[in-house]
Amino acid sequence: MARYESSIQRVPTDEYGNIAAELPCIACGYNLYSLNTETVCPECGMAVGRSVMGDYLKYCNPNWVSKLATGTNLVVLGIVVIFLAAFLGGAMVSASNSRGGAAGAAIIMLIAIIVGRLLLVIGYFILTAREPTKASGDTVARLLARWCLFGSFLVEVFNQVAAMQVTGLSGLRLLGIMAIVGSVLQLVGLFALLVYLRQLARRVPDASLVTNTSIVLWGWVIAIIGMFVVGFAAGASRGSGQDAAAGLACMGLIYILVLMIWSLVLTLWYGRVFTRASKEARSSWARAM
């Protein structure tokens, strides 16, 4: 954690904790001289501590930090719903085959997966809400994550609806192209989301969280490249080469499973961190919300 402490400004204060030097508010420029570090700027209402300490989340707008926690928790809930729908729903379909109710079980599973996807999209959208201050600026990673993930969801909905109506080879080609577009949008969005989360982790600050986010980020990059390499090798190989490719594919599946579990743990970790930061922000933001 010490590697991020250098960003703290050293502002002189008197014995009562009042700022003893001229210091502009980072949101509106108001001179904070003589104000206590535990109060707020009288001009714009931003916590004085944020101008003193920089962009740490515990000094940011508490409503925005709460959105980070809410969005992350919705993402976790969406993942859990999709996981349960896939595994329990599959078991329900198998059990219903013998009784002739497989169609009903499949519809229930599909609805549950759609609900899970909606929770994910809503969670991503809340998590990537813009920070409401003049000084916060914006990041390319946040914008890419927000709109690429939302776009991938729209493409998925389009494909689901179109699949029930499309006929002929040209229609199937269109669905294939849209599926590729949706996959690319989702990959770019998830990569950008991890970059954005790593930026936020540096504002906690939590060096361990930053490191784990980087590992998961590049772990998925390696996984995606590996899938393309194994797929190409399997298509180009013959005989024993195909056996080797199959072995690599099995190891790749284990690697991806570990990475998925690690990603879920990381998401839970962010949920706890953002929840704690939200409470600290409400405490430091000394005004009625």
Protein backbone atom coordinates (compact mmCIF):
# COMPACT_ATOMS: atom_id res chain seq x y z
CA MET A 1 0.00 0.00 0.00
CA ALA A 2 2.94 2.31 0.62
CA ARG A 3 3.61 2.68 -3.10
CA TYR A 4 0.47 4.87 -3.42
CA GLU A 5 0.94 7.01 -0.33
CA SER A 6 3.24 9.41 -2.19
CA SER A 7 0.19 10.97 -3.87
CA ILE A 8 -0.90 12.57 -0.55
CA GLN A 9 -0.42 16.32 -0.44
CA ARG A 10 1.36 17.62 2.66
CA VAL A 11 -0.73 20.63 3.67
CA PRO A 12 0.18 22.46 6.90
CA THR A 13 -2.54 22.60 9.55
CA ASP A 14 -2.76 24.27 12.96
CA GLU A 15 -3.29 22.50 16.27
CA TYR A 16 -7.05 22.32 15.65
CA GLY A 17 -6.77 20.69 12.23
CA ASN A 18 -7.46 23.89 10.28
CA ILE A 19 -5.62 24.44 7.01
CA ALA A 20 -2.78 26.90 7.60
CA ALA A 21 -1.94 27.65 3.96
CA GLU A 22 -3.76 28.66 0.81
CA LEU A 23 -5.28 25.58 -0.82
CA PRO A 24 -7.78 25.68 -3.71
CA CYS A 25 -10.73 23.31 -3.69
CA ILE A 26 -10.11 20.76 -6.43
CA ALA A 27 -13.75 21.02 -7.55
CA CYS A 28 -14.43 24.77 -7.66
CA GLY A 29 -11.15 26.54 -6.82
CA TYR A 30 -12.42 28.13 -3.60
CA ASN A 31 -9.61 29.03 -1.17
CA LEU A 32 -9.85 26.54 1.71
CA TYR A 33 -7.47 28.45 4.00
CA SER A 34 -8.49 28.27 7.71
CA LEU A 35 -11.14 25.56 7.11
CA ASN A 36 -11.01 22.35 9.12
CA THR A 37 -10.01 19.25 7.17
CA GLU A 38 -13.14 17.43 8.42
CA THR A 39 -15.58 19.98 6.97
CA VAL A 40 -16.73 20.76 3.43
CA CYS A 41 -16.08 23.52 0.93
CA PRO A 42 -18.66 26.30 1.56
CA GLU A 43 -18.82 27.01 -2.16
CA CYS A 44 -19.53 23.58 -3.67
CA GLY A 45 -19.94 21.19 -0.73
CA MET A 46 -17.03 18.90 -1.57
CA ALA A 47 -15.20 17.36 1.38
CA VAL A 48 -12.15 19.47 2.26
CA GLY A 49 -10.27 16.26 2.95
CA ARG A 50 -10.42 15.39 -0.75
CA SER A 51 -8.52 18.53 -1.69
CA VAL A 52 -5.98 17.73 1.02
CA MET A 53 -5.64 14.01 0.38
CA GLY A 54 -6.26 13.83 -3.36
CA ASP A 55 -8.56 11.39 -5.17
CA TYR A 56 -8.94 8.72 -2.48
CA LEU A 57 -12.41 7.16 -2.63
CA LYS A 58 -13.10 7.84 1.05
CA TYR A 59 -13.08 11.57 0.27
CA CYS A 60 -15.22 11.34 -2.88
CA ASN A 61 -18.93 11.96 -3.33
CA PRO A 62 -20.53 9.26 -1.13
CA ASN A 63 -23.47 8.77 -3.49
CA TRP A 64 -21.08 7.96 -6.34
CA VAL A 65 -18.99 5.61 -4.17
CA SER A 66 -22.23 3.90 -3.12
CA LYS A 67 -22.97 3.34 -6.81
CA LEU A 68 -19.63 1.56 -7.15
CA ALA A 69 -20.64 -0.81 -4.35
CA THR A 70 -24.19 -1.30 -5.64
CA GLY A 71 -23.04 -1.93 -9.21
CA THR A 72 -20.42 -4.46 -8.10
CA ASN A 73 -22.91 -6.33 -5.91
CA LEU A 74 -25.42 -6.50 -8.79
CA VAL A 75 -22.69 -7.95 -11.03
CA VAL A 76 -22.00 -10.64 -8.42
CA LEU A 77 -25.73 -11.38 -8.13
CA GLY A 78 -26.04 -11.63 -11.92
CA ILE A 79 -23.13 -14.08 -12.10
CA VAL A 80 -24.66 -16.24 -9.36
CA VAL A 81 -28.09 -16.25 -11.06
CA ILE A 82 -26.59 -17.25 -14.43
CA PHE A 83 -24.48 -19.96 -12.78
CA LEU A 84 -27.47 -21.43 -10.94
CA ALA A 85 -29.66 -21.18 -14.05
CA ALA A 86 -27.10 -23.02 -16.16
CA PHE A 87 -26.44 -25.87 -13.72
CA LEU A 88 -29.74 -26.28 -11.88
CA GLY A 89 -31.71 -25.52 -15.05
CA GLY A 90 -29.77 -28.15 -16.94
CA ALA A 91 -30.52 -30.67 -14.22
CA MET A 92 -34.22 -29.73 -14.35
CA VAL A 93 -34.31 -30.22 -18.13
CA SER A 94 -32.66 -33.64 -17.83
CA ALA A 95 -35.04 -34.70 -15.07
CA SER A 96 -38.06 -33.45 -17.02
CA ASN A 97 -37.20 -35.34 -20.20
CA SER A 98 -38.63 -38.54 -18.76
CA ARG A 99 -41.86 -36.81 -17.75
CA GLY A 100 -42.33 -34.82 -20.96
CA GLY A 101 -41.88 -31.40 -19.30
CA ALA A 102 -38.48 -30.54 -20.73
CA ALA A 103 -39.84 -27.59 -22.72
CA GLY A 104 -41.21 -25.90 -19.60
CA ALA A 105 -37.97 -26.44 -17.69
CA ALA A 106 -35.98 -25.02 -20.62
CA ILE A 107 -38.16 -21.89 -20.66
CA ILE A 108 -37.62 -21.39 -16.90
CA MET A 109 -33.86 -21.78 -17.39
CA LEU A 110 -33.87 -19.28 -20.27
CA ILE A 111 -35.84 -16.71 -18.23
CA ALA A 112 -33.42 -17.11 -15.31
CA ILE A 113 -30.43 -16.57 -17.62
CA ILE A 114 -32.06 -13.45 -19.09
CA VAL A 115 -32.66 -12.11 -15.57
CA GLY A 116 -29.01 -12.79 -14.74
CA ARG A 117 -27.84 -10.98 -17.88
CA LEU A 118 -30.07 -8.00 -17.02
CA LEU A 119 -28.58 -7.85 -13.54
CA LEU A 120 -25.09 -7.90 -15.07
CA VAL A 121 -25.87 -5.08 -17.51
CA ILE A 122 -27.55 -2.93 -14.85
CA GLY A 123 -24.62 -3.61 -12.52
CA TYR A 124 -22.06 -2.64 -15.16
CA PHE A 125 -24.02 0.53 -15.96
CA ILE A 126 -24.21 1.62 -12.31
CA LEU A 127 -20.59 0.66 -11.64
CA THR A 128 -19.36 2.80 -14.54
CA ALA A 129 -21.40 5.89 -13.65
CA ARG A 130 -19.48 9.13 -14.14
CA GLU A 131 -17.98 10.71 -11.04
CA PRO A 132 -19.99 13.91 -10.41
CA THR A 133 -17.22 16.45 -9.85
CA LYS A 134 -15.61 19.05 -12.07
CA ALA A 135 -12.15 17.83 -11.18
CA SER A 136 -12.66 14.14 -11.80
CA GLY A 137 -12.43 14.31 -15.57
CA ASP A 138 -13.16 11.05 -17.34
CA THR A 139 -11.36 7.94 -18.46
CA VAL A 140 -11.42 6.07 -21.74
CA ALA A 141 -11.57 2.78 -19.82
CA ARG A 142 -14.80 3.79 -18.05
CA LEU A 143 -16.49 4.86 -21.27
CA LEU A 144 -15.38 1.76 -23.17
CA ALA A 145 -16.53 -0.54 -20.38
CA ARG A 146 -19.90 1.19 -20.08
CA TRP A 147 -20.88 1.31 -23.73
CA CYS A 148 -19.18 -1.83 -25.05
CA LEU A 149 -20.81 -4.02 -22.40
CA PHE A 150 -24.17 -2.35 -22.97
CA GLY A 151 -23.71 -2.74 -26.74
CA SER A 152 -22.88 -6.43 -26.41
CA PHE A 153 -26.11 -6.94 -24.46
CA LEU A 154 -28.14 -5.19 -27.20
CA VAL A 155 -26.49 -7.37 -29.85
CA GLU A 156 -27.31 -10.47 -27.80
CA VAL A 157 -30.97 -9.42 -27.53
CA PHE A 158 -31.07 -8.73 -31.28
CA ASN A 159 -29.67 -12.18 -32.05
CA GLN A 160 -32.12 -13.91 -29.72
CA VAL A 161 -35.08 -12.18 -31.37
CA ALA A 162 -33.73 -12.55 -34.91
CA ALA A 163 -32.97 -16.25 -34.43
CA MET A 164 -36.69 -16.94 -34.12
CA GLN A 165 -37.46 -15.26 -37.45
CA VAL A 166 -34.39 -15.58 -39.66
CA THR A 167 -34.45 -18.14 -42.45
CA GLY A 168 -32.03 -18.89 -45.25
CA LEU A 169 -28.27 -18.73 -45.58
CA SER A 170 -28.05 -14.91 -45.68
CA GLY A 171 -29.96 -14.68 -42.40
CA LEU A 172 -27.64 -17.18 -40.75
CA ARG A 173 -24.63 -15.23 -41.98
CA LEU A 174 -26.07 -12.05 -40.46
CA LEU A 175 -26.54 -13.81 -37.12
CA GLY A 176 -22.96 -15.07 -37.30
CA ILE A 177 -21.59 -11.59 -38.00
CA MET A 178 -23.65 -10.07 -35.19
CA ALA A 179 -22.45 -12.80 -32.82
CA ILE A 180 -18.84 -11.92 -33.65
CA VAL A 181 -19.56 -8.20 -33.14
CA GLY A 182 -21.19 -8.94 -29.77
CA SER A 183 -18.26 -11.09 -28.67
CA VAL A 184 -15.73 -8.40 -29.62
CA LEU A 185 -17.74 -5.74 -27.78
CA GLN A 186 -17.92 -7.92 -24.68
CA LEU A 187 -14.20 -8.72 -24.70
CA VAL A 188 -13.25 -5.06 -25.14
CA GLY A 189 -15.76 -4.04 -22.48
CA LEU A 190 -14.53 -6.56 -19.91
CA PHE A 191 -10.88 -5.63 -20.56
CA ALA A 192 -11.73 -1.93 -20.16
CA LEU A 193 -13.73 -2.68 -16.99
CA LEU A 194 -10.74 -4.38 -15.37
CA VAL A 195 -8.53 -1.43 -16.32
CA TYR A 196 -11.09 0.96 -14.80
CA LEU A 197 -11.36 -1.14 -11.62
CA ARG A 198 -7.58 -1.11 -11.30
CA GLN A 199 -7.67 2.69 -11.49
CA LEU A 200 -10.23 2.74 -8.68
CA ALA A 201 -8.18 0.29 -6.60
CA ARG A 202 -5.31 2.77 -6.70
CA ARG A 203 -7.64 5.32 -5.15
CA VAL A 204 -8.50 3.10 -2.16
CA PRO A 205 -5.46 2.61 -2.06
CA ASP A 206 -4.93 -1.15 -2.04
CA ALA A 207 -1.76 -2.43 -3.68
CA SER A 208 -2.79 -6.08 -3.29
CA LEU A 209 -6.10 -5.42 -5.06
CA VAL A 210 -4.27 -3.62 -7.86
CA THR A 211 -1.87 -6.55 -8.28
CA ASN A 212 -4.62 -9.17 -8.35
CA THR A 213 -6.61 -7.12 -10.85
CA SER A 214 -3.57 -6.94 -13.14
CA ILE A 215 -3.06 -10.70 -12.86
CA VAL A 216 -6.69 -11.44 -13.77
CA LEU A 217 -6.61 -8.85 -16.56
CA TRP A 218 -3.59 -10.33 -18.30
CA GLY A 219 -4.71 -13.84 -17.40
CA TRP A 220 -7.80 -13.35 -19.59
CA VAL A 221 -5.67 -11.87 -22.37
CA ILE A 222 -3.51 -14.99 -22.30
CA ALA A 223 -6.62 -17.20 -22.22
CA ILE A 224 -8.13 -15.54 -25.28
CA ILE A 225 -4.88 -15.75 -27.25
CA GLY A 226 -4.49 -19.39 -26.14
CA MET A 227 -7.99 -20.30 -27.38
CA PHE A 228 -7.20 -18.90 -30.82
CA VAL A 229 -3.84 -20.74 -30.93
CA VAL A 230 -5.32 -24.07 -29.81
CA GLY A 231 -8.22 -23.71 -32.23
CA PHE A 232 -5.87 -23.00 -35.12
CA ALA A 233 -3.59 -25.90 -34.12
CA ALA A 234 -6.54 -28.30 -33.88
CA GLY A 235 -7.73 -27.33 -37.34
CA ALA A 236 -4.31 -27.61 -38.93
CA SER A 237 -3.16 -30.80 -37.16
CA ARG A 238 -3.56 -34.42 -38.17
CA GLY A 239 -3.21 -37.66 -36.18
CA SER A 240 -1.01 -37.22 -33.09
CA GLY A 241 -1.10 -33.45 -33.55
CA GLN A 242 -4.82 -33.47 -32.88
CA ASP A 243 -4.27 -35.49 -29.71
CA ALA A 244 -1.78 -32.88 -28.52
CA ALA A 245 -4.22 -30.11 -29.34
CA ALA A 246 -6.95 -31.93 -27.40
CA GLY A 247 -4.63 -32.20 -24.39
CA LEU A 248 -3.89 -28.47 -24.59
CA ALA A 249 -7.61 -27.76 -24.80
CA CYS A 250 -8.24 -29.75 -21.59
CA MET A 251 -5.50 -27.85 -19.75
CA GLY A 252 -6.94 -24.64 -21.15
CA LEU A 253 -10.37 -25.47 -19.72
CA ILE A 254 -8.85 -25.99 -16.27
CA TYR A 255 -6.94 -22.71 -16.61
CA ILE A 256 -10.14 -20.84 -17.60
CA LEU A 257 -12.08 -22.41 -14.70
CA VAL A 258 -9.43 -21.21 -12.23
CA LEU A 259 -9.48 -17.78 -13.86
CA MET A 260 -13.28 -17.60 -13.62
CA ILE A 261 -13.19 -18.44 -9.90
CA TRP A 262 -10.41 -15.89 -9.36
CA SER A 263 -12.46 -13.27 -11.22
CA LEU A 264 -15.51 -13.94 -9.03
CA VAL A 265 -13.42 -13.69 -5.86
CA LEU A 266 -11.95 -10.43 -7.17
CA THR A 267 -15.44 -9.05 -7.84
CA LEU A 268 -16.51 -9.93 -4.29
CA TRP A 269 -13.34 -8.25 -3.03
CA TYR A 270 -14.22 -5.05 -4.89
CA GLY A 271 -17.73 -5.18 -3.47
CA ARG A 272 -16.38 -5.22 0.09
CA VAL A 273 -13.83 -2.50 -0.64
CA PHE A 274 -16.38 -0.19 -2.27
CA THR A 275 -18.88 -0.77 0.55
CA ARG A 276 -16.27 0.21 3.14
CA ALA A 277 -15.17 3.21 1.06
CA SER A 278 -18.81 4.31 0.80
CA LYS A 279 -19.18 4.34 4.59
CA GLU A 280 -15.91 6.27 4.97
CA ALA A 281 -17.01 8.76 2.29
CA ARG A 282 -20.28 9.43 4.10
CA SER A 283 -18.35 10.02 7.28
CA SER A 284 -15.83 12.37 5.66
CA TRP A 285 -18.38 14.22 3.55
CA ALA A 286 -19.57 16.37 6.43
CA ARG A 287 -22.90 17.60 5.18
CA ALA A 288 -26.49 16.40 5.03
CA MET A 289 -27.07 14.27 1.95
